[in-house]
Amino acid sequence: MSSRRSRTITEEEINELISKLQSLLPETRRRGAGRASASKLLKETCNYIKSLHREVDDLSDRLSGLMATMDTNSAQAEIIRSLLRS
């Protein structure tokens, strides 16, 4: 049986992770250096991820619509396919 070593995360490490997360969110970057609570930051992170998912879905739908109206052998279609491969 394998044993797992649990490691306690220090408050300093948590604060550093919160700070890093805060720097990744557009809303918190705009507000400046003011520090949000961890729970508020996690909620904002979840909302941001949801909005990114919606944006990806929207872009995917738009791309599908564009590809449906395009000649599949055209230069434009080939450019789109090459962009999707990279």
Protein backbone atom coordinates (compact mmCIF):
# COMPACT_ATOMS: atom_id res chain seq x y z
CA MET A 1 0.00 0.00 0.00
CA SER A 2 1.41 3.37 -0.94
CA SER A 3 1.29 6.23 1.47
CA ARG A 4 0.67 9.77 0.37
CA ARG A 5 2.64 12.50 1.97
CA SER A 6 0.48 15.46 2.65
CA ARG A 7 2.14 18.81 2.69
CA THR A 8 0.66 21.77 4.41
CA ILE A 9 0.48 24.86 2.28
CA THR A 10 1.61 27.92 4.13
CA GLU A 11 -0.38 31.13 4.27
CA GLU A 12 2.42 32.81 2.34
CA GLU A 13 2.10 30.25 -0.48
CA ILE A 14 -1.67 30.74 -0.56
CA ASN A 15 -1.23 34.50 -0.75
CA GLU A 16 1.26 34.08 -3.59
CA LEU A 17 -1.14 31.82 -5.51
CA ILE A 18 -4.00 34.27 -4.98
CA SER A 19 -1.81 37.07 -6.22
CA LYS A 20 -0.88 35.11 -9.34
CA LEU A 21 -4.51 34.26 -10.00
CA GLN A 22 -5.49 37.89 -9.52
CA SER A 23 -2.92 38.96 -12.10
CA LEU A 24 -4.50 36.65 -14.70
CA LEU A 25 -8.00 38.10 -14.47
CA PRO A 26 -8.69 41.13 -16.65
CA GLU A 27 -11.13 42.70 -14.18
CA THR A 28 -8.71 42.57 -11.27
CA ARG A 29 -5.86 43.92 -13.38
CA ARG A 30 -7.97 46.94 -14.32
CA ARG A 31 -8.85 47.67 -10.71
CA GLY A 32 -5.20 47.91 -9.79
CA ALA A 33 -3.28 46.58 -6.85
CA GLY A 34 -6.26 46.42 -4.47
CA ARG A 35 -6.49 42.98 -2.97
CA ALA A 36 -9.77 41.08 -3.23
CA SER A 37 -10.83 38.37 -0.83
CA ALA A 38 -9.94 34.84 -1.87
CA SER A 39 -13.60 33.82 -2.17
CA LYS A 40 -14.43 36.83 -4.35
CA LEU A 41 -11.40 36.14 -6.51
CA LEU A 42 -12.42 32.50 -6.96
CA LYS A 43 -15.94 33.56 -7.95
CA GLU A 44 -14.53 36.04 -10.46
CA THR A 45 -12.24 33.32 -11.82
CA CYS A 46 -15.20 30.96 -12.32
CA ASN A 47 -17.18 33.71 -14.06
CA TYR A 48 -14.22 34.54 -16.29
CA ILE A 49 -13.76 30.89 -17.28
CA LYS A 50 -17.49 30.62 -18.06
CA SER A 51 -17.28 33.73 -20.25
CA LEU A 52 -14.27 32.26 -22.08
CA HIS A 53 -16.26 29.08 -22.72
CA ARG A 54 -19.15 31.13 -24.14
CA GLU A 55 -16.72 33.06 -26.33
CA VAL A 56 -15.16 29.85 -27.66
CA ASP A 57 -18.61 28.43 -28.39
CA ASP A 58 -19.62 31.62 -30.20
CA LEU A 59 -16.44 31.69 -32.26
CA SER A 60 -16.85 28.02 -33.09
CA ASP A 61 -20.42 28.63 -34.28
CA ARG A 62 -19.32 31.60 -36.36
CA LEU A 63 -16.49 29.60 -37.91
CA SER A 64 -18.84 26.72 -38.70
CA GLY A 65 -21.23 29.16 -40.38
CA LEU A 66 -18.40 30.70 -42.37
CA MET A 67 -17.09 27.32 -43.48
CA ALA A 68 -20.60 26.23 -44.52
CA THR A 69 -20.90 29.16 -46.92
CA MET A 70 -17.40 28.82 -48.35
CA ASP A 71 -16.13 26.73 -51.23
CA THR A 72 -14.13 24.01 -49.46
CA ASN A 73 -11.47 24.10 -52.18
CA SER A 74 -10.93 27.86 -52.04
CA ALA A 75 -7.75 29.54 -50.88
CA GLN A 76 -9.65 31.09 -47.96
CA ALA A 77 -10.86 27.69 -46.78
CA GLU A 78 -7.32 26.36 -46.95
CA ILE A 79 -6.06 29.30 -44.87
CA ILE A 80 -8.69 28.60 -42.22
CA ARG A 81 -7.82 24.89 -42.18
CA SER A 82 -4.13 25.67 -41.79
CA LEU A 83 -4.87 28.04 -38.91
CA LEU A 84 -6.93 25.37 -37.19
CA ARG A 85 -4.10 22.84 -37.53
CA SER A 86 -1.55 25.07 -35.84
